[in-house]
Every structure is written in C-alpha cells, then in structure tokens.
Amino acid sequence: MADIPTLGSNTSQIISGPTAKDIMESPNVVCECGNKVFVEGYVIKRISRILTGSPEDTLYPIPLYVCSKCGKVPTEFLEKANASKIFGETEKTE
C-alpha cells in the first residue's frame, strides 16, 4: 500500500489564519473622504443569452464595497478589481 503524506505536528500553523489580535492591530481601510465604514453594493452585468445558452439574458451581480458616507468606491478597491472592465471605460463609480 502507498504511503499517505501527513501534515505532521505543525498542523496549527498550516490550518489557522490570523488571530483576533492580528486583525484588530491591522490598519483600517480609509476612504478619500476620511470615512472608515463601508457597505456592500453590487454592479450588475447583463450576460447575453447567446453566451449562457439560456432562453433569456442572465443578470450577474459583482459585489463591491462602497463608502457609507460619500457613496464612492475607494480608488484602492478599483485598482485591484480591474474597474475599467467592471464599470466600463466611460462609466463613473459614484
């Protein structure tokens, strides 16, 4: 019978993530307006029925975070999310 690899005695280092202390000591994300609170919003893409093979177009939600004070998506998030493809080249993020 073949040997089955095991994780050994250091499984806690492999399986565990950041501790509550690590999270609380991490820096906050701050919007350009100074706010630190964000709400989840969605950009909805309409996917052609030709691409999906279904009888109707499909709506596909893409979640993102929006500042709860000014309503903008922080630039930091847009750069990581490839915003030009999500919002379109000429659309605004407000």
PDB file of N, CA and C in Angstrom:
ATOM      1  N   MET A   1       0.836  -1.168   0.000  1.00  0.00           N
ATOM      2  CA  MET A   1       0.000   0.000   0.000  1.00  0.00           C
ATOM      3  C   MET A   1       0.895   1.250   0.000  1.00  0.00           C
ATOM      4  N   ALA A   2       0.496   2.289  -0.740  1.00  0.00           N
ATOM      5  CA  ALA A   2       1.295   3.516  -0.857  1.00  0.00           C
ATOM      6  C   ALA A   2       1.228   4.342   0.419  1.00  0.00           C
ATOM      7  N   ASP A   3       2.313   5.047   0.694  1.00  0.00           N
ATOM      8  CA  ASP A   3       2.333   5.931   1.855  1.00  0.00           C
ATOM      9  C   ASP A   3       1.448   7.151   1.599  1.00  0.00           C
ATOM     10  N   ILE A   4       0.685   7.542   2.613  1.00  0.00           N
ATOM     11  CA  ILE A   4      -0.160   8.728   2.527  1.00  0.00           C
ATOM     12  C   ILE A   4       0.559   9.848   3.261  1.00  0.00           C
ATOM     13  N   PRO A   5       0.824  10.976   2.592  1.00  0.00           N
ATOM     14  CA  PRO A   5       1.524  12.067   3.257  1.00  0.00           C
ATOM     15  C   PRO A   5       0.676  12.646   4.387  1.00  0.00           C
ATOM     16  N   THR A   6       1.313  13.018   5.479  1.00  0.00           N
ATOM     17  CA  THR A   6       0.611  13.628   6.601  1.00  0.00           C
ATOM     18  C   THR A   6       1.150  15.030   6.822  1.00  0.00           C
ATOM     19  N   LEU A   7       0.393  15.835   7.560  1.00  0.00           N
ATOM     20  CA  LEU A   7       0.788  17.203   7.834  1.00  0.00           C
ATOM     21  C   LEU A   7       1.813  17.297   8.942  1.00  0.00           C
ATOM     22  N   GLY A   8       1.933  16.276   9.758  1.00  0.00           N
ATOM     23  CA  GLY A   8       2.897  16.299  10.859  1.00  0.00           C
ATOM     24  C   GLY A   8       2.337  17.033  12.065  1.00  0.00           C
ATOM     25  N   SER A   9       3.230  17.457  12.948  1.00  0.00           N
ATOM     26  CA  SER A   9       2.790  18.061  14.200  1.00  0.00           C
ATOM     27  C   SER A   9       2.519  19.555  14.091  1.00  0.00           C
ATOM     28  N   ASN A  10       2.824  20.187  12.971  1.00  0.00           N
ATOM     29  CA  ASN A  10       2.627  21.633  12.828  1.00  0.00           C
ATOM     30  C   ASN A  10       1.320  21.976  12.121  1.00  0.00           C
ATOM     31  N   THR A  11       0.277  21.194  12.313  1.00  0.00           N
ATOM     32  CA  THR A  11      -0.984  21.451  11.613  1.00  0.00           C
ATOM     33  C   THR A  11      -1.602  22.777  12.009  1.00  0.00           C
ATOM     34  N   SER A  12      -1.395  23.249  13.236  1.00  0.00           N
ATOM     35  CA  SER A  12      -1.999  24.519  13.642  1.00  0.00           C
ATOM     36  C   SER A  12      -1.448  25.680  12.824  1.00  0.00           C
ATOM     37  N   GLN A  13      -0.188  25.611  12.416  1.00  0.00           N
ATOM     38  CA  GLN A  13       0.390  26.674  11.612  1.00  0.00           C
ATOM     39  C   GLN A  13      -0.154  26.653  10.190  1.00  0.00           C
ATOM     40  N   ILE A  14      -0.478  25.498   9.694  1.00  0.00           N
ATOM     41  CA  ILE A  14      -0.973  25.382   8.331  1.00  0.00           C
ATOM     42  C   ILE A  14      -2.452  25.729   8.258  1.00  0.00           C
ATOM     43  N   ILE A  15      -3.245  25.281   9.212  1.00  0.00           N
ATOM     44  CA  ILE A  15      -4.689  25.410   9.158  1.00  0.00           C
ATOM     45  C   ILE A  15      -5.179  26.762   9.672  1.00  0.00           C
ATOM     46  N   SER A  16      -4.556  27.315  10.707  1.00  0.00           N
ATOM     47  CA  SER A  16      -5.080  28.526  11.319  1.00  0.00           C
ATOM     48  C   SER A  16      -4.777  29.756  10.480  1.00  0.00           C
ATOM     49  N   GLY A  17      -5.651  30.743  10.621  1.00  0.00           N
ATOM     50  CA  GLY A  17      -5.472  32.018   9.951  1.00  0.00           C
ATOM     51  C   GLY A  17      -5.049  33.057  10.972  1.00  0.00           C
ATOM     52  N   PRO A  18      -5.282  34.320  10.650  1.00  0.00           N
ATOM     53  CA  PRO A  18      -4.908  35.371  11.589  1.00  0.00           C
ATOM     54  C   PRO A  18      -5.760  35.308  12.854  1.00  0.00           C
ATOM     55  N   THR A  19      -5.166  35.673  13.966  1.00  0.00           N
ATOM     56  CA  THR A  19      -5.901  35.688  15.222  1.00  0.00           C
ATOM     57  C   THR A  19      -6.688  36.985  15.331  1.00  0.00           C
ATOM     58  N   ALA A  20      -7.601  37.045  16.299  1.00  0.00           N
ATOM     59  CA  ALA A  20      -8.381  38.253  16.524  1.00  0.00           C
ATOM     60  C   ALA A  20      -7.466  39.431  16.825  1.00  0.00           C
ATOM     61  N   LYS A  21      -6.390  39.186  17.572  1.00  0.00           N
ATOM     62  CA  LYS A  21      -5.427  40.240  17.894  1.00  0.00           C
ATOM     63  C   LYS A  21      -4.769  40.761  16.619  1.00  0.00           C
ATOM     64  N   ASP A  22      -4.369  39.845  15.723  1.00  0.00           N
ATOM     65  CA  ASP A  22      -3.752  40.251  14.456  1.00  0.00           C
ATOM     66  C   ASP A  22      -4.700  41.142  13.660  1.00  0.00           C
ATOM     67  N   ILE A  23      -5.968  40.767  13.624  1.00  0.00           N
ATOM     68  CA  ILE A  23      -6.960  41.525  12.865  1.00  0.00           C
ATOM     69  C   ILE A  23      -7.159  42.904  13.470  1.00  0.00           C
ATOM     70  N   MET A  24      -7.308  42.984  14.796  1.00  0.00           N
ATOM     71  CA  MET A  24      -7.557  44.257  15.464  1.00  0.00           C
ATOM     72  C   MET A  24      -6.368  45.211  15.357  1.00  0.00           C
ATOM     73  N   GLU A  25      -5.157  44.688  15.224  1.00  0.00           N
ATOM     74  CA  GLU A  25      -3.966  45.527  15.111  1.00  0.00           C
ATOM     75  C   GLU A  25      -3.636  45.903  13.667  1.00  0.00           C
ATOM     76  N   SER A  26      -4.372  45.362  12.719  1.00  0.00           N
ATOM     77  CA  SER A  26      -4.155  45.691  11.305  1.00  0.00           C
ATOM     78  C   SER A  26      -4.735  47.067  10.999  1.00  0.00           C
ATOM     79  N   PRO A  27      -4.177  47.768  10.003  1.00  0.00           N
ATOM     80  CA  PRO A  27      -4.683  49.108   9.687  1.00  0.00           C
ATOM     81  C   PRO A  27      -6.071  49.055   9.040  1.00  0.00           C
ATOM     82  N   ASN A  28      -6.858  50.102   9.274  1.00  0.00           N
ATOM     83  CA  ASN A  28      -8.181  50.230   8.660  1.00  0.00           C
ATOM     84  C   ASN A  28      -8.042  50.731   7.229  1.00  0.00           C
ATOM     85  N   VAL A  29      -8.985  50.386   6.399  1.00  0.00           N
ATOM     86  CA  VAL A  29      -9.103  50.982   5.075  1.00  0.00           C
ATOM     87  C   VAL A  29      -9.868  52.280   5.278  1.00  0.00           C
ATOM     88  N   VAL A  30      -9.358  53.365   4.718  1.00  0.00           N
ATOM     89  CA  VAL A  30      -9.976  54.675   4.885  1.00  0.00           C
ATOM     90  C   VAL A  30     -10.296  55.237   3.505  1.00  0.00           C
ATOM     91  N   CYS A  31     -11.524  55.707   3.345  1.00  0.00           N
ATOM     92  CA  CYS A  31     -11.948  56.327   2.087  1.00  0.00           C
ATOM     93  C   CYS A  31     -11.248  57.676   1.930  1.00  0.00           C
ATOM     94  N   GLU A  32     -11.235  58.196   0.717  1.00  0.00           N
ATOM     95  CA  GLU A  32     -10.645  59.511   0.456  1.00  0.00           C
ATOM     96  C   GLU A  32     -11.329  60.603   1.279  1.00  0.00           C
ATOM     97  N   CYS A  33     -12.613  60.404   1.658  1.00  0.00           N
ATOM     98  CA  CYS A  33     -13.345  61.398   2.454  1.00  0.00           C
ATOM     99  C   CYS A  33     -13.039  61.266   3.942  1.00  0.00           C
ATOM    100  N   GLY A  34     -12.258  60.247   4.342  1.00  0.00           N
ATOM    101  CA  GLY A  34     -11.887  60.052   5.734  1.00  0.00           C
ATOM    102  C   GLY A  34     -12.740  59.030   6.469  1.00  0.00           C
ATOM    103  N   ASN A  35     -13.780  58.539   5.847  1.00  0.00           N
ATOM    104  CA  ASN A  35     -14.684  57.570   6.473  1.00  0.00           C
ATOM    105  C   ASN A  35     -14.051  56.176   6.510  1.00  0.00           C
ATOM    106  N   LYS A  36     -14.378  55.420   7.551  1.00  0.00           N
ATOM    107  CA  LYS A  36     -13.848  54.057   7.696  1.00  0.00           C
ATOM    108  C   LYS A  36     -14.926  52.990   7.628  1.00  0.00           C
ATOM    109  N   VAL A  37     -16.159  53.369   7.289  1.00  0.00           N
ATOM    110  CA  VAL A  37     -17.274  52.420   7.241  1.00  0.00           C
ATOM    111  C   VAL A  37     -17.727  52.253   5.791  1.00  0.00           C
ATOM    112  N   PHE A  38     -17.886  51.001   5.388  1.00  0.00           N
ATOM    113  CA  PHE A  38     -18.278  50.684   4.016  1.00  0.00           C
ATOM    114  C   PHE A  38     -19.499  49.770   4.025  1.00  0.00           C
ATOM    115  N   VAL A  39     -20.285  49.845   2.977  1.00  0.00           N
ATOM    116  CA  VAL A  39     -21.431  48.958   2.805  1.00  0.00           C
ATOM    117  C   VAL A  39     -21.218  48.173   1.518  1.00  0.00           C
ATOM    118  N   GLU A  40     -21.849  47.012   1.444  1.00  0.00           N
ATOM    119  CA  GLU A  40     -21.704  46.193   0.242  1.00  0.00           C
ATOM    120  C   GLU A  40     -22.697  46.655  -0.809  1.00  0.00           C
ATOM    121  N   GLY A  41     -22.210  46.816  -2.011  1.00  0.00           N
ATOM    122  CA  GLY A  41     -23.046  47.165  -3.148  1.00  0.00           C
ATOM    123  C   GLY A  41     -22.764  46.185  -4.275  1.00  0.00           C
ATOM    124  N   TYR A  42     -23.486  46.347  -5.355  1.00  0.00           N
ATOM    125  CA  TYR A  42     -23.321  45.434  -6.486  1.00  0.00           C
ATOM    126  C   TYR A  42     -23.327  46.192  -7.800  1.00  0.00           C
ATOM    127  N   VAL A  43     -22.484  45.765  -8.717  1.00  0.00           N
ATOM    128  CA  VAL A  43     -22.577  46.140 -10.115  1.00  0.00           C
ATOM    129  C   VAL A  43     -23.210  44.931 -10.778  1.00  0.00           C
ATOM    130  N   ILE A  44     -24.258  45.161 -11.564  1.00  0.00           N
ATOM    131  CA  ILE A  44     -24.962  44.040 -12.193  1.00  0.00           C
ATOM    132  C   ILE A  44     -24.620  44.011 -13.680  1.00  0.00           C
ATOM    133  N   LYS A  45     -24.086  42.908 -14.118  1.00  0.00           N
ATOM    134  CA  LYS A  45     -23.753  42.710 -15.534  1.00  0.00           C
ATOM    135  C   LYS A  45     -24.865  41.887 -16.190  1.00  0.00           C
ATOM    136  N   ARG A  46     -25.204  42.278 -17.386  1.00  0.00           N
ATOM    137  CA  ARG A  46     -26.182  41.517 -18.170  1.00  0.00           C
ATOM    138  C   ARG A  46     -25.397  40.626 -19.130  1.00  0.00           C
ATOM    139  N   ILE A  47     -25.534  39.308 -18.957  1.00  0.00           N
ATOM    140  CA  ILE A  47     -24.808  38.340 -19.784  1.00  0.00           C
ATOM    141  C   ILE A  47     -25.749  37.850 -20.889  1.00  0.00           C
ATOM    142  N   SER A  48     -25.295  37.954 -22.101  1.00  0.00           N
ATOM    143  CA  SER A  48     -26.118  37.596 -23.253  1.00  0.00           C
ATOM    144  C   SER A  48     -26.554  36.130 -23.211  1.00  0.00           C
ATOM    145  N   ARG A  49     -27.773  35.901 -23.611  1.00  0.00           N
ATOM    146  CA  ARG A  49     -28.293  34.518 -23.677  1.00  0.00           C
ATOM    147  C   ARG A  49     -27.485  33.677 -24.657  1.00  0.00           C
ATOM    148  N   ILE A  50     -26.848  34.329 -25.616  1.00  0.00           N
ATOM    149  CA  ILE A  50     -26.010  33.605 -26.574  1.00  0.00           C
ATOM    150  C   ILE A  50     -24.807  32.999 -25.853  1.00  0.00           C
ATOM    151  N   LEU A  51     -24.244  33.744 -24.900  1.00  0.00           N
ATOM    152  CA  LEU A  51     -23.095  33.240 -24.142  1.00  0.00           C
ATOM    153  C   LEU A  51     -23.490  32.167 -23.134  1.00  0.00           C
ATOM    154  N   THR A  52     -24.678  32.303 -22.539  1.00  0.00           N
ATOM    155  CA  THR A  52     -25.089  31.367 -21.488  1.00  0.00           C
ATOM    156  C   THR A  52     -25.829  30.153 -22.026  1.00  0.00           C
ATOM    157  N   GLY A  53     -26.374  30.270 -23.218  1.00  0.00           N
ATOM    158  CA  GLY A  53     -27.155  29.154 -23.767  1.00  0.00           C
ATOM    159  C   GLY A  53     -28.542  29.056 -23.170  1.00  0.00           C
ATOM    160  N   SER A  54     -28.963  30.065 -22.418  1.00  0.00           N
ATOM    161  CA  SER A  54     -30.299  30.058 -21.825  1.00  0.00           C
ATOM    162  C   SER A  54     -31.258  30.852 -22.718  1.00  0.00           C
ATOM    163  N   PRO A  55     -32.565  30.704 -22.504  1.00  0.00           N
ATOM    164  CA  PRO A  55     -33.520  31.402 -23.360  1.00  0.00           C
ATOM    165  C   PRO A  55     -33.552  32.924 -23.141  1.00  0.00           C
ATOM    166  N   GLU A  56     -33.055  33.400 -21.994  1.00  0.00           N
ATOM    167  CA  GLU A  56     -33.051  34.836 -21.705  1.00  0.00           C
ATOM    168  C   GLU A  56     -31.664  35.275 -21.245  1.00  0.00           C
ATOM    169  N   ASP A  57     -31.406  36.579 -21.325  1.00  0.00           N
ATOM    170  CA  ASP A  57     -30.162  37.117 -20.774  1.00  0.00           C
ATOM    171  C   ASP A  57     -30.128  36.837 -19.271  1.00  0.00           C
ATOM    172  N   THR A  58     -28.933  36.718 -18.717  1.00  0.00           N
ATOM    173  CA  THR A  58     -28.747  36.441 -17.292  1.00  0.00           C
ATOM    174  C   THR A  58     -28.141  37.663 -16.615  1.00  0.00           C
ATOM    175  N   LEU A  59     -28.642  37.987 -15.425  1.00  0.00           N
ATOM    176  CA  LEU A  59     -28.057  39.066 -14.636  1.00  0.00           C
ATOM    177  C   LEU A  59     -27.025  38.461 -13.692  1.00  0.00           C
ATOM    178  N   TYR A  60     -25.834  39.069 -13.661  1.00  0.00           N
ATOM    179  CA  TYR A  60     -24.726  38.552 -12.852  1.00  0.00           C
ATOM    180  C   TYR A  60     -24.241  39.653 -11.909  1.00  0.00           C
ATOM    181  N   PRO A  61     -24.482  39.503 -10.590  1.00  0.00           N
ATOM    182  CA  PRO A  61     -24.042  40.536  -9.648  1.00  0.00           C
ATOM    183  C   PRO A  61     -22.561  40.409  -9.311  1.00  0.00           C
ATOM    184  N   ILE A  62     -21.870  41.543  -9.267  1.00  0.00           N
ATOM    185  CA  ILE A  62     -20.475  41.599  -8.846  1.00  0.00           C
ATOM    186  C   ILE A  62     -20.432  42.445  -7.574  1.00  0.00           C
ATOM    187  N   PRO A  63     -20.126  41.823  -6.417  1.00  0.00           N
ATOM    188  CA  PRO A  63     -20.122  42.590  -5.169  1.00  0.00           C
ATOM    189  C   PRO A  63     -18.910  43.517  -5.066  1.00  0.00           C
ATOM    190  N   LEU A  64     -19.118  44.662  -4.428  1.00  0.00           N
ATOM    191  CA  LEU A  64     -18.039  45.588  -4.149  1.00  0.00           C
ATOM    192  C   LEU A  64     -18.408  46.403  -2.925  1.00  0.00           C
ATOM    193  N   TYR A  65     -17.435  47.104  -2.343  1.00  0.00           N
ATOM    194  CA  TYR A  65     -17.672  47.916  -1.152  1.00  0.00           C
ATOM    195  C   TYR A  65     -17.721  49.382  -1.534  1.00  0.00           C
ATOM    196  N   VAL A  66     -18.715  50.087  -0.955  1.00  0.00           N
ATOM    197  CA  VAL A  66     -18.959  51.492  -1.228  1.00  0.00           C
ATOM    198  C   VAL A  66     -18.881  52.250   0.097  1.00  0.00           C
ATOM    199  N   CYS A  67     -18.282  53.428   0.095  1.00  0.00           N
ATOM    200  CA  CYS A  67     -18.203  54.248   1.299  1.00  0.00           C
ATOM    201  C   CYS A  67     -19.615  54.607   1.758  1.00  0.00           C
ATOM    202  N   SER A  68     -19.891  54.413   3.052  1.00  0.00           N
ATOM    203  CA  SER A  68     -21.223  54.702   3.569  1.00  0.00           C
ATOM    204  C   SER A  68     -21.478  56.198   3.722  1.00  0.00           C
ATOM    205  N   LYS A  69     -20.434  57.009   3.641  1.00  0.00           N
ATOM    206  CA  LYS A  69     -20.596  58.459   3.802  1.00  0.00           C
ATOM    207  C   LYS A  69     -20.737  59.170   2.458  1.00  0.00           C
ATOM    208  N   CYS A  70     -19.776  58.943   1.552  1.00  0.00           N
ATOM    209  CA  CYS A  70     -19.788  59.684   0.285  1.00  0.00           C
ATOM    210  C   CYS A  70     -20.328  58.872  -0.894  1.00  0.00           C
ATOM    211  N   GLY A  71     -20.460  57.556  -0.729  1.00  0.00           N
ATOM    212  CA  GLY A  71     -21.022  56.721  -1.783  1.00  0.00           C
ATOM    213  C   GLY A  71     -20.048  56.319  -2.875  1.00  0.00           C
ATOM    214  N   LYS A  72     -18.781  56.653  -2.718  1.00  0.00           N
ATOM    215  CA  LYS A  72     -17.791  56.295  -3.736  1.00  0.00           C
ATOM    216  C   LYS A  72     -17.139  54.956  -3.412  1.00  0.00           C
ATOM    217  N   VAL A  73     -16.663  54.299  -4.455  1.00  0.00           N
ATOM    218  CA  VAL A  73     -15.853  53.098  -4.287  1.00  0.00           C
ATOM    219  C   VAL A  73     -14.414  53.585  -4.153  1.00  0.00           C
ATOM    220  N   PRO A  74     -13.718  53.268  -3.059  1.00  0.00           N
ATOM    221  CA  PRO A  74     -12.345  53.752  -2.892  1.00  0.00           C
ATOM    222  C   PRO A  74     -11.438  53.334  -4.045  1.00  0.00           C
ATOM    223  N   THR A  75     -10.562  54.254  -4.431  1.00  0.00           N
ATOM    224  CA  THR A  75      -9.620  54.013  -5.526  1.00  0.00           C
ATOM    225  C   THR A  75      -8.819  52.741  -5.304  1.00  0.00           C
ATOM    226  N   GLU A  76      -8.454  52.497  -4.048  1.00  0.00           N
ATOM    227  CA  GLU A  76      -7.688  51.292  -3.701  1.00  0.00           C
ATOM    228  C   GLU A  76      -8.414  50.025  -4.151  1.00  0.00           C
ATOM    229  N   PHE A  77      -9.742  50.004  -4.003  1.00  0.00           N
ATOM    230  CA  PHE A  77     -10.529  48.832  -4.406  1.00  0.00           C
ATOM    231  C   PHE A  77     -10.641  48.745  -5.916  1.00  0.00           C
ATOM    232  N   LEU A  78     -10.791  49.897  -6.566  1.00  0.00           N
ATOM    233  CA  LEU A  78     -10.957  49.910  -8.019  1.00  0.00           C
ATOM    234  C   LEU A  78      -9.722  49.408  -8.737  1.00  0.00           C
ATOM    235  N   GLU A  79      -8.550  49.772  -8.239  1.00  0.00           N
ATOM    236  CA  GLU A  79      -7.301  49.342  -8.868  1.00  0.00           C
ATOM    237  C   GLU A  79      -7.148  47.828  -8.801  1.00  0.00           C
ATOM    238  N   LYS A  80      -7.552  47.232  -7.678  1.00  0.00           N
ATOM    239  CA  LYS A  80      -7.421  45.786  -7.510  1.00  0.00           C
ATOM    240  C   LYS A  80      -8.490  45.016  -8.273  1.00  0.00           C
ATOM    241  N   ALA A  81      -9.625  45.659  -8.540  1.00  0.00           N
ATOM    242  CA  ALA A  81     -10.759  44.955  -9.141  1.00  0.00           C
ATOM    243  C   ALA A  81     -10.826  45.078 -10.653  1.00  0.00           C
ATOM    244  N   ASN A  82      -9.828  45.716 -11.281  1.00  0.00           N
ATOM    245  CA  ASN A  82      -9.861  45.939 -12.722  1.00  0.00           C
ATOM    246  C   ASN A  82     -11.144  46.681 -13.091  1.00  0.00           C
ATOM    247  N   ALA A  83     -11.329  47.839 -12.485  1.00  0.00           N
ATOM    248  CA  ALA A  83     -12.571  48.607 -12.560  1.00  0.00           C
ATOM    249  C   ALA A  83     -13.001  48.960 -13.972  1.00  0.00           C
ATOM    250  N   SER A  84     -12.065  49.198 -14.871  1.00  0.00           N
ATOM    251  CA  SER A  84     -12.467  49.582 -16.224  1.00  0.00           C
ATOM    252  C   SER A  84     -13.294  48.493 -16.887  1.00  0.00           C
ATOM    253  N   LYS A  85     -13.031  47.241 -16.553  1.00  0.00           N
ATOM    254  CA  LYS A  85     -13.819  46.153 -17.136  1.00  0.00           C
ATOM    255  C   LYS A  85     -15.144  45.965 -16.398  1.00  0.00           C
ATOM    256  N   ILE A  86     -15.162  46.250 -15.095  1.00  0.00           N
ATOM    257  CA  ILE A  86     -16.397  46.094 -14.329  1.00  0.00           C
ATOM    258  C   ILE A  86     -17.367  47.224 -14.651  1.00  0.00           C
ATOM    259  N   PHE A  87     -16.884  48.475 -14.628  1.00  0.00           N
ATOM    260  CA  PHE A  87     -17.759  49.630 -14.828  1.00  0.00           C
ATOM    261  C   PHE A  87     -17.871  50.067 -16.264  1.00  0.00           C
ATOM    262  N   GLY A  88     -16.975  49.632 -17.107  1.00  0.00           N
ATOM    263  CA  GLY A  88     -16.934  50.122 -18.471  1.00  0.00           C
ATOM    264  C   GLY A  88     -15.982  51.304 -18.536  1.00  0.00           C
ATOM    265  N   GLU A  89     -15.428  51.574 -19.655  1.00  0.00           N
ATOM    266  CA  GLU A  89     -14.394  52.608 -19.802  1.00  0.00           C
ATOM    267  C   GLU A  89     -14.890  53.998 -19.435  1.00  0.00           C
ATOM    268  N   THR A  90     -16.149  54.356 -19.754  1.00  0.00           N
ATOM    269  CA  THR A  90     -16.600  55.731 -19.566  1.00  0.00           C
ATOM    270  C   THR A  90     -17.535  55.908 -18.376  1.00  0.00           C
ATOM    271  N   GLU A  91     -17.935  54.847 -17.702  1.00  0.00           N
ATOM    272  CA  GLU A  91     -18.875  54.971 -16.596  1.00  0.00           C
ATOM    273  C   GLU A  91     -18.190  55.475 -15.334  1.00  0.00           C
ATOM    274  N   LYS A  92     -18.934  56.231 -14.518  1.00  0.00           N
ATOM    275  CA  LYS A  92     -18.411  56.733 -13.252  1.00  0.00           C
ATOM    276  C   LYS A  92     -18.716  55.737 -12.155  1.00  0.00           C
ATOM    277  N   THR A  93     -17.960  55.828 -11.045  1.00  0.00           N
ATOM    278  CA  THR A  93     -18.114  54.897  -9.939  1.00  0.00           C
ATOM    279  C   THR A  93     -18.959  55.452  -8.798  1.00  0.00           C
ATOM    280  N   GLU A  94     -19.643  56.560  -9.022  1.00  0.00           N
ATOM    281  CA  GLU A  94     -20.463  57.157  -7.960  1.00  0.00           C
ATOM    282  C   GLU A  94     -21.904  56.718  -8.095  1.00  0.00           C
TER     283      GLU A  94
END
